[in-house]
Protein backbone atom coordinates (compact mmCIF):
# COMPACT_ATOMS: atom_id res chain seq x y z
CA MET A 1 0.00 0.00 0.00
CA ASN A 2 1.50 3.36 -1.00
CA PHE A 3 1.58 6.43 1.23
CA ARG A 4 -1.52 7.98 -0.33
CA GLY A 5 -3.50 4.76 0.11
CA LEU A 6 -2.37 4.44 3.73
CA SER A 7 -3.42 8.02 4.45
CA SER A 8 -6.85 7.41 2.98
CA PHE A 9 -7.23 4.24 5.01
CA LEU A 10 -6.28 5.99 8.27
CA LEU A 11 -8.68 8.84 7.49
CA ILE A 12 -11.53 6.36 6.98
CA VAL A 13 -10.71 4.58 10.30
CA LEU A 14 -10.52 7.90 12.16
CA THR A 15 -13.83 9.07 10.68
CA ALA A 16 -15.57 5.78 11.54
CA THR A 17 -14.24 5.96 15.12
CA MET A 18 -15.59 9.50 15.57
CA VAL A 19 -18.98 8.49 14.19
CA ILE A 20 -19.22 5.50 16.56
CA PHE A 21 -18.16 7.64 19.52
CA THR A 22 -20.80 10.27 18.65
CA LEU A 23 -23.54 7.67 18.31
CA CYS A 24 -22.65 6.12 21.70
CA ALA A 25 -22.66 9.54 23.37
CA CYS A 26 -26.09 10.34 21.93
CA GLN A 27 -27.44 6.99 23.08
CA MET A 28 -26.17 7.56 26.62
CA GLN A 29 -27.73 11.03 26.64
CA ARG A 30 -31.10 9.67 25.50
CA LEU A 31 -30.95 6.94 28.16
CA SER A 32 -30.19 9.50 30.85
CA GLU A 33 -33.07 11.70 29.73
CA LYS A 34 -35.41 8.70 29.58
CA THR A 35 -34.63 7.57 33.12
CA GLY A 36 -34.52 11.12 34.42
CA THR A 37 -31.35 10.44 36.42
CA THR A 38 -27.90 11.89 36.31
CA SER A 39 -24.66 10.24 37.32
CA SER A 40 -24.81 12.15 40.60
CA GLU A 41 -28.39 11.04 41.21
CA GLN A 42 -27.47 7.44 40.47
CA GLN A 43 -24.70 7.59 43.05
CA THR A 44 -27.11 9.10 45.58
CA ALA A 45 -29.63 6.34 44.92
CA LYS A 46 -27.03 3.78 45.94
CA LYS A 47 -26.77 5.31 49.40
CA VAL A 48 -28.94 4.01 52.24
CA VAL A 49 -32.44 5.44 51.98
CA ARG A 50 -33.53 7.21 55.15
CA SER A 51 -36.95 7.96 56.56
CA ASP A 52 -38.39 11.41 57.21
CA ASN A 53 -37.01 11.42 60.75
CA GLY A 54 -33.49 10.69 59.52
CA GLU A 55 -33.44 7.07 60.71
CA PRO A 56 -32.58 4.22 58.34
CA PRO A 57 -35.59 2.13 57.30
CA GLY A 58 -36.08 -1.30 58.75
CA ILE A 59 -38.46 -3.83 60.20
CA PHE A 60 -39.80 -3.19 63.68
CA GLN A 61 -39.57 -5.66 66.55
CA THR A 62 -42.39 -8.17 67.01
CA GLY A 63 -42.96 -7.33 70.67
CA GLN A 64 -41.98 -10.78 71.93
CA LYS A 65 -39.72 -10.59 74.99
CA ARG A 66 -39.84 -14.12 76.42
CA THR A 67 -36.92 -16.35 75.49
CA PHE A 68 -37.52 -20.04 74.80
CA MET A 69 -34.19 -20.83 73.14
CA ALA A 70 -30.95 -18.97 72.57
CA THR A 71 -31.03 -16.66 69.54
CA ASP A 72 -34.82 -16.93 69.17
CA ASP A 73 -36.97 -13.83 68.65
CA GLY A 74 -37.43 -13.13 72.35
CA ASP A 75 -33.69 -13.43 72.92
CA LEU A 76 -32.44 -11.31 70.02
CA ARG A 77 -35.42 -8.94 69.72
CA ALA A 78 -34.20 -8.07 66.25
CA GLY A 79 -35.61 -5.01 64.54
CA LYS A 80 -36.22 -1.37 65.34
CA PRO A 81 -37.69 -0.70 68.80
CA TRP A 82 -41.14 0.86 69.02
CA PRO A 83 -41.26 4.57 69.87
CA GLU A 84 -42.21 5.59 73.41
CA PRO A 85 -45.01 6.32 73.81
CA ARG A 86 -46.17 4.35 70.82
CA PHE A 87 -49.75 5.65 70.65
CA ILE A 88 -51.12 9.18 70.80
CA ASP A 89 -54.71 9.40 72.02
CA HIS A 90 -56.15 12.62 70.58
CA GLY A 91 -59.14 12.57 72.92
CA ASP A 92 -61.61 12.78 70.03
CA GLY A 93 -62.11 9.11 69.35
CA THR A 94 -58.93 8.74 67.31
CA VAL A 95 -55.47 7.33 68.06
CA THR A 96 -52.26 7.75 66.06
CA ASP A 97 -49.70 4.94 65.92
CA ARG A 98 -46.23 6.52 65.91
CA VAL A 99 -44.70 3.41 64.33
CA ASN A 100 -46.16 4.24 60.92
CA GLY A 101 -48.23 7.42 61.31
CA LEU A 102 -51.54 5.66 60.80
CA MET A 103 -54.60 6.95 62.66
CA TRP A 104 -57.10 4.43 64.05
CA THR A 105 -60.54 4.80 65.52
CA ARG A 106 -60.16 4.45 69.28
CA HIS A 107 -63.16 2.14 69.37
CA ALA A 108 -62.21 -1.14 67.68
CA ASP A 109 -65.71 -2.45 66.92
CA LYS A 110 -67.01 0.09 64.44
CA ALA A 111 -69.85 -2.03 63.06
CA ASN A 112 -71.06 -2.92 66.56
CA GLY A 113 -70.91 -6.56 65.61
CA LYS A 114 -69.95 -8.75 62.68
CA VAL A 115 -70.56 -7.83 59.04
CA ASP A 116 -69.57 -9.28 55.67
CA TRP A 117 -66.61 -8.02 53.64
CA GLU A 118 -68.53 -5.62 51.39
CA GLN A 119 -70.30 -4.09 54.38
CA ALA A 120 -66.97 -3.76 56.16
CA ILE A 121 -65.54 -1.71 53.30
CA SER A 122 -68.61 0.40 52.53
CA GLY A 123 -69.25 1.11 56.21
CA ALA A 124 -66.10 3.21 56.41
CA GLY A 125 -67.91 5.91 54.45
CA THR A 126 -70.25 6.51 57.38
CA CYS A 127 -67.48 6.89 59.95
CA THR A 128 -66.79 10.47 61.08
CA ASP A 129 -64.68 9.88 64.20
CA GLY A 130 -62.48 12.85 65.01
CA GLY A 131 -64.28 14.89 62.34
CA HIS A 132 -62.56 12.98 59.53
CA ASP A 133 -64.39 11.61 56.51
CA ASP A 134 -61.63 9.55 54.88
CA TRP A 135 -61.72 6.43 57.04
CA ARG A 136 -61.21 3.08 55.33
CA LEU A 137 -60.83 -0.61 56.06
CA PRO A 138 -57.13 -1.36 56.71
CA ASN A 139 -55.20 -3.63 54.40
CA ARG A 140 -53.61 -6.76 55.79
CA ASN A 141 -50.20 -5.17 56.49
CA GLU A 142 -51.74 -2.16 58.21
CA LEU A 143 -53.86 -4.21 60.61
CA ALA A 144 -50.98 -6.61 61.26
CA SER A 145 -48.76 -3.65 62.21
CA LEU A 146 -50.76 -3.28 65.44
CA ILE A 147 -50.06 -6.83 66.58
CA ASP A 148 -47.79 -7.44 69.57
CA LEU A 149 -46.66 -11.06 69.31
CA GLY A 150 -45.72 -11.05 72.96
CA LYS A 151 -49.33 -10.46 74.04
CA TYR A 152 -52.68 -12.16 73.66
CA ASN A 153 -56.33 -11.37 74.34
CA PRO A 154 -55.82 -8.96 72.74
CA ALA A 155 -52.56 -9.24 70.82
CA LEU A 156 -51.91 -5.51 71.15
CA PRO A 157 -49.08 -3.59 72.82
CA GLU A 158 -49.34 -3.18 76.58
CA GLY A 159 -50.96 0.08 77.59
CA HIS A 160 -52.74 0.58 74.27
CA PRO A 161 -55.63 3.09 74.45
CA PHE A 162 -58.15 1.19 72.32
CA THR A 163 -61.60 0.10 73.46
CA GLY A 164 -64.00 -2.55 72.23
CA VAL A 165 -61.26 -4.85 70.91
CA GLN A 166 -62.84 -8.22 70.17
CA PRO A 167 -60.84 -11.46 70.67
CA SER A 168 -61.88 -12.62 67.22
CA TYR A 169 -61.27 -12.21 63.50
CA TYR A 170 -61.17 -8.77 61.87
CA TRP A 171 -61.60 -8.04 58.19
CA THR A 172 -58.86 -6.43 56.10
CA SER A 173 -59.38 -4.89 52.66
CA THR A 174 -56.91 -7.32 51.08
CA THR A 175 -58.00 -10.20 48.83
CA PRO A 176 -55.89 -13.42 48.62
CA ALA A 177 -54.08 -13.69 45.31
CA ASN A 178 -55.46 -17.18 44.65
CA ASN A 179 -59.09 -16.65 45.69
CA GLU A 180 -61.02 -13.50 44.80
CA ASP A 181 -64.03 -14.70 46.79
CA HIS A 182 -62.08 -14.51 50.06
CA GLY A 183 -60.68 -11.68 52.17
CA TRP A 184 -57.71 -11.75 54.54
CA LEU A 185 -58.43 -11.75 58.29
CA ILE A 186 -56.39 -11.16 61.44
CA HIS A 187 -57.43 -12.64 64.77
CA LEU A 188 -56.97 -10.09 67.53
CA TYR A 189 -56.79 -12.72 70.29
CA ILE A 190 -53.36 -13.99 69.24
CA GLY A 191 -52.52 -12.27 65.93
CA PHE A 192 -53.38 -15.29 63.79
CA VAL A 193 -53.73 -14.62 60.05
CA ALA A 194 -56.34 -16.43 57.93
CA HIS A 195 -58.89 -15.76 55.20
CA ASP A 196 -62.58 -16.40 54.75
CA ASP A 197 -65.34 -16.16 52.17
CA LYS A 198 -66.36 -12.53 51.75
CA ALA A 199 -69.93 -13.53 52.54
CA GLY A 200 -68.80 -14.50 56.04
CA THR A 201 -69.11 -12.04 58.91
CA HIS A 202 -66.34 -10.63 61.08
CA TYR A 203 -65.45 -7.51 63.06
CA VAL A 204 -64.39 -4.14 61.64
CA TRP A 205 -61.84 -1.51 62.64
CA TYR A 206 -61.12 1.61 60.59
CA VAL A 207 -57.92 3.46 59.75
CA ARG A 208 -56.81 6.58 57.87
CA ASN A 209 -53.53 8.23 56.91
CA ASP A 210 -52.54 10.82 59.48
CA GLN A 211 -49.94 12.57 57.32
């Protein structure tokens, strides 16, 4: 290959390299715009996410304090401790749980007896405790968050301010993934979780977001 041919070849290689580099840069820019993140934001996202109060997120303790075997739940008491005091009684028929900011009706038998699942959900629209009109039936995780697995009859934290707690099943608004005719339940005597036909009747307790 003569000098002129070599120069032409090198020019073609250089041009092709610049074109490929430009295409890659444009693709990276489009990807960044599509995801809405910058390199700095991506680095920040890798850091530990923290809650509004500055504490790292985590799972709270179960409440069990009795030890039956070394390194069991009662021995390790793994998880974040509950705040003290845990509950704030507003004196207007409502109580806020400081663990998650949820507000509950102080009276835990809002239907004054057992009702079916549809009645449990629709009945929240008639609740005006504390002057609020956005009460709803709690989902399974929300109702379960009240449970103290170190207590029974009821399975609620010691010193809780609630009244009318029934040692029986309570409806949640959650439907089992494998059976749309059933609704999840939590038994307030011991914290047992089960599900039942939505035509069955169980107790009702209402919740709302207090934030």
